[in-house]
Amino acid sequence: MAFAGHDFAAPRKLDDNRWAAVAAVLEAGLAYDGFETCGCGHEPKSRPRTKAQVRARRRAGARQGLTDPEALSQP
């Protein structure tokens, strides 16, 4: 079990597409946190919600020369 961050909202149990995106974010070492460390931030950081968004951000990051965590945290 891993800590996903204060602002993490779990997808539905059988939504494999969204759980794959959560796994990619956590494997990259990112968390679902806003700007406040207490979890009360009004603007949470951008994270991909689907496998398609993960692929698109990784492709865009590769073109820009970004690391995987940097690419996945881009809006």
N, C-alpha and C. Protein backbone atom coordinates (compact mmCIF):
# COMPACT_ATOMS: atom_id res chain seq x y z
N MET A 1 0.84 -1.16 0.00
CA MET A 1 0.00 0.00 0.00
C MET A 1 0.89 1.23 0.00
N ALA A 2 0.50 2.23 -0.76
CA ALA A 2 1.29 3.45 -0.88
C ALA A 2 0.44 4.66 -0.52
N PHE A 3 1.07 5.68 0.02
CA PHE A 3 0.38 6.94 0.30
C PHE A 3 0.31 7.72 -1.00
N ALA A 4 -0.90 8.02 -1.45
CA ALA A 4 -1.09 8.68 -2.73
C ALA A 4 -1.23 10.19 -2.59
N GLY A 5 -1.31 10.70 -1.40
CA GLY A 5 -1.41 12.14 -1.20
C GLY A 5 -2.73 12.51 -0.54
N HIS A 6 -2.75 13.71 0.01
CA HIS A 6 -3.93 14.19 0.72
C HIS A 6 -5.12 14.43 -0.21
N ASP A 7 -4.87 14.78 -1.46
CA ASP A 7 -5.95 15.13 -2.39
C ASP A 7 -6.32 13.97 -3.31
N PHE A 8 -5.93 12.75 -2.97
CA PHE A 8 -6.23 11.59 -3.81
C PHE A 8 -7.68 11.19 -3.67
N ALA A 9 -8.33 11.01 -4.81
CA ALA A 9 -9.70 10.50 -4.85
C ALA A 9 -9.66 9.22 -5.68
N ALA A 10 -9.93 8.12 -5.05
CA ALA A 10 -9.82 6.82 -5.73
C ALA A 10 -10.87 6.68 -6.82
N PRO A 11 -10.46 6.12 -7.98
CA PRO A 11 -11.45 5.83 -9.02
C PRO A 11 -12.35 4.68 -8.59
N ARG A 12 -13.37 4.43 -9.38
CA ARG A 12 -14.24 3.29 -9.08
C ARG A 12 -13.43 2.01 -9.10
N LYS A 13 -13.87 1.05 -8.34
CA LYS A 13 -13.13 -0.20 -8.14
C LYS A 13 -12.80 -0.92 -9.44
N LEU A 14 -13.70 -0.96 -10.40
CA LEU A 14 -13.49 -1.72 -11.64
C LEU A 14 -13.01 -0.86 -12.81
N ASP A 15 -12.65 0.40 -12.56
CA ASP A 15 -12.20 1.29 -13.63
C ASP A 15 -10.69 1.11 -13.85
N ASP A 16 -10.35 0.07 -14.60
CA ASP A 16 -8.93 -0.27 -14.81
C ASP A 16 -8.17 0.84 -15.53
N ASN A 17 -8.84 1.56 -16.41
CA ASN A 17 -8.21 2.64 -17.16
C ASN A 17 -7.68 3.72 -16.21
N ARG A 18 -8.49 4.13 -15.28
CA ARG A 18 -8.07 5.17 -14.33
C ARG A 18 -7.09 4.63 -13.28
N TRP A 19 -7.25 3.37 -12.88
CA TRP A 19 -6.29 2.80 -11.93
C TRP A 19 -4.91 2.68 -12.57
N ALA A 20 -4.84 2.43 -13.88
CA ALA A 20 -3.55 2.37 -14.57
C ALA A 20 -2.87 3.74 -14.54
N ALA A 21 -3.65 4.81 -14.67
CA ALA A 21 -3.09 6.16 -14.60
C ALA A 21 -2.59 6.46 -13.19
N VAL A 22 -3.33 6.03 -12.18
CA VAL A 22 -2.89 6.21 -10.78
C VAL A 22 -1.58 5.46 -10.56
N ALA A 23 -1.48 4.24 -11.06
CA ALA A 23 -0.25 3.46 -10.91
C ALA A 23 0.93 4.15 -11.58
N ALA A 24 0.72 4.71 -12.77
CA ALA A 24 1.80 5.40 -13.48
C ALA A 24 2.27 6.62 -12.70
N VAL A 25 1.34 7.37 -12.12
CA VAL A 25 1.69 8.55 -11.33
C VAL A 25 2.49 8.16 -10.09
N LEU A 26 2.03 7.13 -9.39
CA LEU A 26 2.72 6.71 -8.17
C LEU A 26 4.08 6.09 -8.48
N GLU A 27 4.19 5.33 -9.58
CA GLU A 27 5.48 4.74 -9.97
C GLU A 27 6.49 5.81 -10.35
N ALA A 28 6.01 6.96 -10.83
CA ALA A 28 6.91 8.07 -11.17
C ALA A 28 7.36 8.83 -9.94
N GLY A 29 6.82 8.45 -8.77
CA GLY A 29 7.22 9.11 -7.53
C GLY A 29 6.41 10.36 -7.22
N LEU A 30 5.30 10.55 -7.90
CA LEU A 30 4.45 11.72 -7.67
C LEU A 30 3.33 11.35 -6.72
N ALA A 31 2.67 12.36 -6.19
CA ALA A 31 1.52 12.15 -5.31
C ALA A 31 0.42 13.12 -5.73
N TYR A 32 -0.74 12.89 -5.21
CA TYR A 32 -1.89 13.75 -5.48
C TYR A 32 -2.00 14.76 -4.35
N ASP A 33 -1.19 15.79 -4.40
CA ASP A 33 -1.19 16.84 -3.39
C ASP A 33 -1.38 18.18 -4.05
N GLY A 34 -2.05 19.08 -3.34
CA GLY A 34 -2.17 20.45 -3.79
C GLY A 34 -0.92 21.21 -3.41
N PHE A 35 -1.03 22.51 -3.40
CA PHE A 35 0.12 23.34 -3.05
C PHE A 35 0.36 23.37 -1.55
N GLU A 36 -0.65 23.05 -0.77
CA GLU A 36 -0.52 23.02 0.68
C GLU A 36 -0.22 21.59 1.12
N THR A 37 0.74 21.42 2.01
CA THR A 37 1.10 20.08 2.45
C THR A 37 0.05 19.44 3.34
N CYS A 38 -0.87 20.24 3.87
CA CYS A 38 -1.90 19.68 4.75
C CYS A 38 -3.06 19.09 3.96
N GLY A 39 -3.08 19.25 2.65
CA GLY A 39 -4.15 18.71 1.85
C GLY A 39 -5.31 19.66 1.66
N CYS A 40 -5.18 20.88 2.14
CA CYS A 40 -6.28 21.83 2.05
C CYS A 40 -6.09 22.82 0.91
N GLY A 41 -5.15 22.55 -0.01
CA GLY A 41 -4.90 23.45 -1.13
C GLY A 41 -6.10 23.54 -2.04
N HIS A 42 -6.35 24.73 -2.55
CA HIS A 42 -7.50 24.93 -3.41
C HIS A 42 -7.20 24.60 -4.87
N GLU A 43 -5.95 24.48 -5.21
CA GLU A 43 -5.57 24.17 -6.59
C GLU A 43 -4.66 22.95 -6.61
N PRO A 44 -5.21 21.75 -6.68
CA PRO A 44 -4.35 20.56 -6.73
C PRO A 44 -3.53 20.53 -8.01
N LYS A 45 -2.37 19.95 -7.93
CA LYS A 45 -1.50 19.85 -9.10
C LYS A 45 -2.12 18.94 -10.14
N SER A 46 -1.77 19.18 -11.38
CA SER A 46 -2.34 18.43 -12.49
C SER A 46 -1.75 17.03 -12.57
N ARG A 47 -2.61 16.04 -12.65
CA ARG A 47 -2.21 14.64 -12.80
C ARG A 47 -3.07 14.01 -13.88
N PRO A 48 -2.51 13.08 -14.67
CA PRO A 48 -3.32 12.41 -15.69
C PRO A 48 -4.39 11.54 -15.05
N ARG A 49 -5.55 11.45 -15.72
CA ARG A 49 -6.66 10.67 -15.18
C ARG A 49 -6.89 9.36 -15.91
N THR A 50 -6.37 9.24 -17.14
CA THR A 50 -6.58 8.02 -17.93
C THR A 50 -5.26 7.57 -18.53
N LYS A 51 -5.25 6.32 -19.04
CA LYS A 51 -4.05 5.80 -19.70
C LYS A 51 -3.71 6.63 -20.92
N ALA A 52 -4.71 7.12 -21.65
CA ALA A 52 -4.47 7.94 -22.83
C ALA A 52 -3.77 9.25 -22.45
N GLN A 53 -4.16 9.85 -21.34
CA GLN A 53 -3.49 11.07 -20.89
C GLN A 53 -2.05 10.79 -20.46
N VAL A 54 -1.82 9.64 -19.86
CA VAL A 54 -0.46 9.25 -19.47
C VAL A 54 0.42 9.13 -20.72
N ARG A 55 -0.10 8.42 -21.74
CA ARG A 55 0.67 8.26 -22.99
C ARG A 55 0.94 9.61 -23.65
N ALA A 56 -0.06 10.48 -23.70
CA ALA A 56 0.10 11.79 -24.34
C ALA A 56 1.12 12.64 -23.61
N ARG A 57 1.08 12.64 -22.29
CA ARG A 57 2.05 13.44 -21.52
C ARG A 57 3.46 12.88 -21.66
N ARG A 58 3.58 11.55 -21.70
CA ARG A 58 4.92 10.97 -21.87
C ARG A 58 5.48 11.29 -23.25
N ARG A 59 4.63 11.23 -24.30
CA ARG A 59 5.10 11.59 -25.65
C ARG A 59 5.52 13.05 -25.70
N ALA A 60 4.71 13.94 -25.13
CA ALA A 60 5.05 15.37 -25.12
C ALA A 60 6.32 15.61 -24.31
N GLY A 61 6.46 14.91 -23.19
CA GLY A 61 7.66 15.05 -22.37
C GLY A 61 8.91 14.56 -23.08
N ALA A 62 8.79 13.49 -23.84
CA ALA A 62 9.93 12.98 -24.60
C ALA A 62 10.37 13.98 -25.66
N ARG A 63 9.41 14.64 -26.29
CA ARG A 63 9.75 15.66 -27.29
C ARG A 63 10.46 16.85 -26.66
N GLN A 64 10.09 17.18 -25.42
CA GLN A 64 10.67 18.33 -24.73
C GLN A 64 11.89 17.96 -23.90
N GLY A 65 12.21 16.68 -23.82
CA GLY A 65 13.37 16.23 -23.05
C GLY A 65 13.13 16.22 -21.55
N LEU A 66 11.90 16.00 -21.13
CA LEU A 66 11.56 15.97 -19.71
C LEU A 66 11.67 14.55 -19.15
N THR A 67 11.90 14.45 -17.86
CA THR A 67 11.88 13.15 -17.20
C THR A 67 10.43 12.71 -17.06
N ASP A 68 10.22 11.44 -16.70
CA ASP A 68 8.88 10.91 -16.57
C ASP A 68 8.06 11.67 -15.51
N PRO A 69 8.60 11.93 -14.31
CA PRO A 69 7.82 12.69 -13.33
C PRO A 69 7.49 14.11 -13.81
N GLU A 70 8.43 14.75 -14.48
CA GLU A 70 8.16 16.09 -15.00
C GLU A 70 7.07 16.06 -16.07
N ALA A 71 7.12 15.07 -16.94
CA ALA A 71 6.14 14.96 -18.00
C ALA A 71 4.75 14.69 -17.45
N LEU A 72 4.64 13.81 -16.45
CA LEU A 72 3.34 13.48 -15.90
C LEU A 72 2.75 14.60 -15.04
N SER A 73 3.56 15.53 -14.61
CA SER A 73 3.03 16.64 -13.79
C SER A 73 2.69 17.86 -14.63
N GLN A 74 2.93 17.82 -15.92
CA GLN A 74 2.57 18.93 -16.80
C GLN A 74 1.06 18.95 -17.03
N PRO A 75 0.46 20.14 -17.09
CA PRO A 75 -0.99 20.21 -17.38
C PRO A 75 -1.30 19.85 -18.82
